[in-house]
Amino acid sequence: MPLDDSRPPADLRHRAEEIARGKFAQSPQGLKAPSPEETRRTVHELRVHQIELEIQNEELRLAQVELDASRARYFDLYDLAPVGYVTVSEPGLILEANLTAATLLGVARDGWATQPIFSRLILKEDQGIYYRHRQQLFETDEPQAWELRMVKKDGTAFWAHLEATAARDEGGTPVCRIVMSDVTEMKRTQEALQQALNDVQTLRGILPICSRCKKIRDDRGYWNRVEVYFSDRIGAEFSHGICPECAKQLYPEFEEDAGSPPESEGSAR
């Protein structure tokens, strides 16, 4: 019989006890009252069950703490890594990227949906380099490494070094995992070391020099002083002095004074 919720609480309690006693009387356990031993055994079982629940609750709490710590380690190792991590599908869709990659490209991670194709982030002139290495990666499963120019959201281009490996997602579908780093400064340094080498190679050739004033003719036909010519090409700085031979020709009186013996005291004047 359903309980009537409109009855006072005390009456409902009385009705509930009557129903419970009726159900207990119909059960096999209700045929006779439990003995003290059975009662103690039941209480013991309830206490053991309570302790088991407390242990399980503590284990669940510790598991949650470990899960939180794992998530924190994942955030430190993946999202805050000094290089960008990008996972790209075989058709070229961006499946996942860390914070470093998003910052490097100037795109918020929730904005990947507006640029789902990885190749769109590559300078148009260098997209062929990306496609060749991506095709070779999926065909051979051999890791690939190359450099190309990428474009940020604001249109700024930069040199990137990419290292790609083939993998499979949870469903077994092939994916490409890319490690990306900005090497713009390194490329600039390399270009400056190469330009310096080119300058040295140029200086090894025959230089037209005036036999009188010693000016050097450059590749545009202009005559420059020696110090200007070398300063423009290798960045050398010059200080001026005078060699002993030129000093003899230009200032012979100083040479004579320096070479004559000193007069002794009492000598005739």
Protein backbone atom coordinates (compact mmCIF):
# COMPACT_ATOMS: atom_id res chain seq x y z
CA MET A 1 0.00 0.00 0.00
CA PRO A 2 1.53 3.36 -0.96
CA LEU A 3 2.19 5.89 1.74
CA ASP A 4 0.03 8.99 1.92
CA ASP A 5 2.33 12.02 1.88
CA SER A 6 -0.44 14.19 3.28
CA ARG A 7 -0.26 12.45 6.68
CA PRO A 8 1.76 14.04 9.55
CA PRO A 9 5.44 12.88 9.80
CA ALA A 10 4.81 10.88 12.95
CA ASP A 11 1.94 9.00 11.32
CA LEU A 12 4.07 8.29 8.24
CA ARG A 13 6.83 6.90 10.44
CA HIS A 14 4.31 4.60 12.15
CA ARG A 15 2.96 3.39 8.82
CA ALA A 16 6.47 2.76 7.48
CA GLU A 17 7.37 0.66 10.52
CA GLU A 18 4.20 -1.41 10.08
CA ILE A 19 5.05 -2.09 6.43
CA ALA A 20 8.65 -3.01 7.31
CA ARG A 21 7.49 -5.43 10.02
CA GLY A 22 5.04 -7.00 7.60
CA LYS A 23 7.71 -7.57 4.96
CA PHE A 24 10.10 -8.99 7.56
CA ALA A 25 7.42 -11.39 8.87
CA GLN A 26 6.87 -12.75 5.35
CA SER A 27 10.61 -13.42 4.86
CA PRO A 28 12.36 -16.63 6.05
CA GLN A 29 14.34 -14.60 8.56
CA GLY A 30 11.09 -13.44 10.12
CA LEU A 31 10.05 -16.90 11.25
CA LYS A 32 12.19 -16.54 14.34
CA ALA A 33 14.06 -13.75 16.09
CA PRO A 34 17.84 -13.64 15.39
CA SER A 35 20.05 -14.99 18.12
CA PRO A 36 22.61 -12.78 19.91
CA GLU A 37 25.37 -14.54 17.98
CA GLU A 38 23.67 -13.85 14.66
CA THR A 39 23.17 -10.26 15.70
CA ARG A 40 26.87 -9.88 16.62
CA ARG A 41 27.85 -11.52 13.32
CA THR A 42 25.60 -9.16 11.38
CA VAL A 43 26.99 -6.12 13.18
CA HIS A 44 30.54 -7.36 12.49
CA GLU A 45 29.78 -7.81 8.80
CA LEU A 46 28.33 -4.32 8.64
CA ARG A 47 31.42 -2.85 10.31
CA VAL A 48 33.77 -4.73 7.93
CA HIS A 49 31.71 -3.56 4.96
CA GLN A 50 31.90 0.00 6.25
CA ILE A 51 35.71 -0.23 6.54
CA GLU A 52 35.90 -1.65 3.00
CA LEU A 53 33.92 1.31 1.72
CA GLU A 54 36.22 3.73 3.56
CA ILE A 55 39.32 2.02 2.06
CA GLN A 56 37.79 2.16 -1.43
CA ASN A 57 36.96 5.83 -0.92
CA GLU A 58 40.56 6.57 0.12
CA GLU A 59 41.92 4.67 -2.89
CA LEU A 60 39.61 6.65 -5.17
CA ARG A 61 40.80 9.89 -3.58
CA LEU A 62 44.47 8.94 -4.06
CA ALA A 63 43.76 7.91 -7.66
CA GLN A 64 42.18 11.32 -8.28
CA VAL A 65 45.23 13.06 -6.79
CA GLU A 66 47.54 11.03 -9.04
CA LEU A 67 45.36 11.83 -12.05
CA ASP A 68 45.56 15.54 -11.28
CA ALA A 69 49.34 15.28 -10.94
CA SER A 70 49.56 13.43 -14.28
CA ARG A 71 47.52 16.14 -15.94
CA ALA A 72 49.84 18.79 -14.50
CA ARG A 73 52.91 16.90 -15.77
CA TYR A 74 51.29 16.55 -19.19
CA PHE A 75 50.63 20.29 -19.25
CA ASP A 76 54.25 21.07 -18.34
CA LEU A 77 55.82 18.57 -20.75
CA TYR A 78 53.48 19.03 -23.71
CA ASP A 79 51.77 22.41 -23.61
CA LEU A 80 54.71 24.37 -22.15
CA ALA A 81 57.46 22.62 -24.14
CA PRO A 82 60.05 24.95 -25.75
CA VAL A 83 59.09 23.60 -29.19
CA GLY A 84 55.77 23.32 -30.97
CA TYR A 85 53.99 19.96 -31.20
CA VAL A 86 51.42 19.45 -33.95
CA THR A 87 49.52 16.31 -34.93
CA VAL A 88 48.33 16.34 -38.55
CA SER A 89 46.11 13.82 -40.32
CA GLU A 90 47.11 12.27 -43.63
CA PRO A 91 44.87 14.73 -45.57
CA GLY A 92 46.56 17.60 -43.71
CA LEU A 93 44.00 18.48 -41.01
CA ILE A 94 45.38 19.77 -37.71
CA LEU A 95 44.18 17.33 -35.04
CA GLU A 96 46.08 18.65 -32.03
CA ALA A 97 48.62 21.34 -31.15
CA ASN A 98 50.26 22.56 -27.96
CA LEU A 99 50.38 26.11 -26.65
CA THR A 100 53.89 26.70 -27.98
CA ALA A 101 52.80 25.92 -31.54
CA ALA A 102 49.76 28.18 -31.21
CA THR A 103 51.93 31.01 -29.86
CA LEU A 104 54.57 30.49 -32.54
CA LEU A 105 51.96 30.78 -35.28
CA GLY A 106 50.03 33.55 -33.57
CA VAL A 107 46.78 31.54 -33.51
CA ALA A 108 44.66 30.65 -30.49
CA ARG A 109 44.12 26.93 -30.08
CA ASP A 110 40.38 27.36 -30.35
CA GLY A 111 41.09 29.03 -33.70
CA TRP A 112 42.50 25.93 -35.40
CA ALA A 113 39.06 25.30 -36.83
CA THR A 114 39.43 28.44 -38.97
CA GLN A 115 42.72 27.10 -40.44
CA PRO A 116 42.33 23.31 -40.44
CA ILE A 117 44.88 22.65 -43.20
CA PHE A 118 48.49 22.70 -41.99
CA SER A 119 49.79 23.70 -45.43
CA ARG A 120 47.89 27.00 -45.17
CA LEU A 121 50.36 28.02 -42.48
CA ILE A 122 53.29 27.54 -44.88
CA LEU A 123 54.56 30.20 -47.28
CA LYS A 124 53.16 29.48 -50.73
CA GLU A 125 56.61 29.23 -52.32
CA ASP A 126 57.65 26.53 -49.80
CA GLN A 127 54.52 24.37 -49.78
CA GLY A 128 56.05 21.98 -52.32
CA ILE A 129 58.81 21.19 -49.81
CA TYR A 130 56.22 20.23 -47.21
CA TYR A 131 54.21 18.02 -49.61
CA ARG A 132 57.31 16.13 -50.76
CA HIS A 133 58.45 15.32 -47.24
CA ARG A 134 54.92 14.44 -46.08
CA GLN A 135 54.45 12.06 -48.99
CA GLN A 136 57.80 10.41 -48.33
CA LEU A 137 56.94 10.08 -44.64
CA PHE A 138 53.68 8.20 -45.22
CA GLU A 139 55.18 6.05 -47.97
CA THR A 140 58.30 4.93 -46.09
CA ASP A 141 57.50 5.58 -42.39
CA GLU A 142 61.00 7.08 -42.21
CA PRO A 143 61.36 10.23 -40.04
CA GLN A 144 61.75 13.43 -42.04
CA ALA A 145 63.46 16.74 -41.21
CA TRP A 146 63.50 19.92 -43.26
CA GLU A 147 63.35 23.71 -43.11
CA LEU A 148 60.83 26.04 -44.72
CA ARG A 149 59.14 29.39 -44.21
CA MET A 150 55.87 29.55 -42.29
CA VAL A 151 53.40 32.41 -41.95
CA LYS A 152 51.83 33.71 -38.76
CA LYS A 153 48.23 34.87 -38.56
CA ASP A 154 49.37 38.51 -38.96
CA GLY A 155 51.22 37.62 -42.19
CA THR A 156 54.73 37.63 -40.70
CA ALA A 157 56.97 34.94 -42.22
CA PHE A 158 59.61 33.05 -40.26
CA TRP A 159 61.95 30.13 -40.84
CA ALA A 160 60.88 26.88 -39.16
CA HIS A 161 62.71 23.61 -38.63
CA LEU A 162 60.30 20.65 -38.82
CA GLU A 163 60.90 17.07 -37.68
CA ALA A 164 58.10 14.65 -38.56
CA THR A 165 57.42 11.05 -37.58
CA ALA A 166 54.62 8.72 -38.68
CA ALA A 167 52.21 7.32 -36.08
CA ARG A 168 48.66 6.01 -35.73
CA ASP A 169 45.79 7.33 -33.67
CA GLU A 170 43.53 5.30 -31.37
CA GLY A 171 41.57 3.99 -34.35
CA GLY A 172 44.67 2.96 -36.30
CA THR A 173 44.49 5.84 -38.79
CA PRO A 174 47.90 7.16 -39.95
CA VAL A 175 48.85 10.58 -38.56
CA CYS A 176 51.91 12.80 -38.73
CA ARG A 177 53.48 14.13 -35.53
CA ILE A 178 55.53 17.28 -36.16
CA VAL A 179 58.03 19.02 -33.88
CA MET A 180 58.37 22.65 -34.92
CA SER A 181 60.93 25.29 -33.87
CA ASP A 182 61.72 28.85 -34.97
CA VAL A 183 65.19 29.02 -36.57
CA THR A 184 64.94 32.51 -38.07
CA GLU A 185 67.87 33.91 -36.09
CA MET A 186 70.01 30.91 -36.95
CA LYS A 187 69.24 31.35 -40.65
CA ARG A 188 70.18 35.01 -40.46
CA THR A 189 73.47 34.09 -38.83
CA GLN A 190 74.16 31.49 -41.48
CA GLU A 191 73.44 33.97 -44.25
CA ALA A 192 75.79 36.52 -42.56
CA LEU A 193 78.61 33.78 -42.20
CA GLN A 194 77.98 32.82 -45.93
CA GLN A 195 78.13 36.48 -47.03
CA ALA A 196 81.39 36.86 -45.13
CA LEU A 197 82.81 33.81 -46.90
CA ASN A 198 81.72 35.23 -50.23
CA ASP A 199 83.50 38.46 -49.39
CA VAL A 200 86.66 36.56 -48.53
CA GLN A 201 86.43 34.68 -51.82
CA THR A 202 86.08 38.01 -53.62
CA LEU A 203 89.17 39.37 -51.88
CA ARG A 204 91.18 36.38 -53.08
CA GLY A 205 90.80 37.49 -56.69
CA ILE A 206 92.88 40.08 -58.58
CA LEU A 207 92.26 43.59 -57.22
CA PRO A 208 92.97 46.56 -59.53
CA ILE A 209 95.06 48.96 -57.48
CA CYS A 210 96.57 52.31 -58.46
CA SER A 211 100.37 52.11 -58.58
CA ARG A 212 100.69 55.67 -57.26
CA CYS A 213 97.93 56.44 -54.75
CA LYS A 214 97.14 52.77 -53.99
CA LYS A 215 93.37 53.18 -54.39
CA ILE A 216 91.42 50.03 -55.30
CA ARG A 217 88.82 49.81 -58.04
CA ASP A 218 85.62 48.00 -57.01
CA ASP A 219 83.33 45.90 -59.23
CA ARG A 220 81.30 49.00 -60.11
CA GLY A 221 84.30 50.83 -61.45
CA TYR A 222 84.75 53.26 -58.56
CA TRP A 223 88.18 53.91 -57.03
CA ASN A 224 88.22 53.71 -53.22
CA ARG A 225 90.87 54.15 -50.60
CA VAL A 226 92.20 50.84 -49.32
CA GLU A 227 90.65 51.27 -45.88
CA VAL A 228 87.25 52.14 -47.35
CA TYR A 229 87.29 49.15 -49.70
CA PHE A 230 88.08 46.60 -46.99
CA SER A 231 85.82 48.21 -44.43
CA ASP A 232 82.81 47.94 -46.74
CA ARG A 233 83.45 44.26 -47.48
CA ILE A 234 84.69 42.68 -44.28
CA GLY A 235 83.78 45.30 -41.69
CA ALA A 236 87.38 45.89 -40.66
CA GLU A 237 88.25 49.10 -38.84
CA PHE A 238 91.53 50.92 -39.52
CA SER A 239 93.79 53.09 -37.38
CA HIS A 240 96.38 55.35 -38.99
CA GLY A 241 100.09 55.63 -38.24
CA ILE A 242 103.35 56.01 -40.14
CA CYS A 243 105.97 53.38 -40.85
CA PRO A 244 109.71 54.07 -40.17
CA GLU A 245 110.64 54.26 -43.85
CA CYS A 246 108.00 56.90 -44.58
CA ALA A 247 109.02 58.77 -41.44
CA LYS A 248 112.62 59.01 -42.78
CA GLN A 249 111.41 60.48 -46.07
CA LEU A 250 108.86 62.88 -44.64
CA TYR A 251 110.62 63.97 -41.44
CA PRO A 252 114.41 63.57 -41.97
CA GLU A 253 115.21 66.16 -39.26
CA PHE A 254 113.64 63.94 -36.59
CA GLU A 255 115.67 61.01 -37.85
CA GLU A 256 118.95 62.99 -37.64
CA ASP A 257 118.20 64.18 -34.12
CA ALA A 258 117.34 60.69 -33.02
CA GLY A 259 120.53 59.22 -34.58
CA SER A 260 123.19 61.78 -33.45
CA PRO A 261 125.15 61.02 -30.23
CA PRO A 262 124.49 63.22 -27.23
CA GLU A 263 127.05 66.00 -26.48
CA SER A 264 129.31 65.57 -23.40
CA GLU A 265 129.66 68.19 -20.74
CA GLY A 266 132.47 70.72 -21.40
CA SER A 267 132.48 70.23 -25.11
CA ALA A 268 133.00 73.26 -27.36
CA ARG A 269 129.96 75.03 -28.50
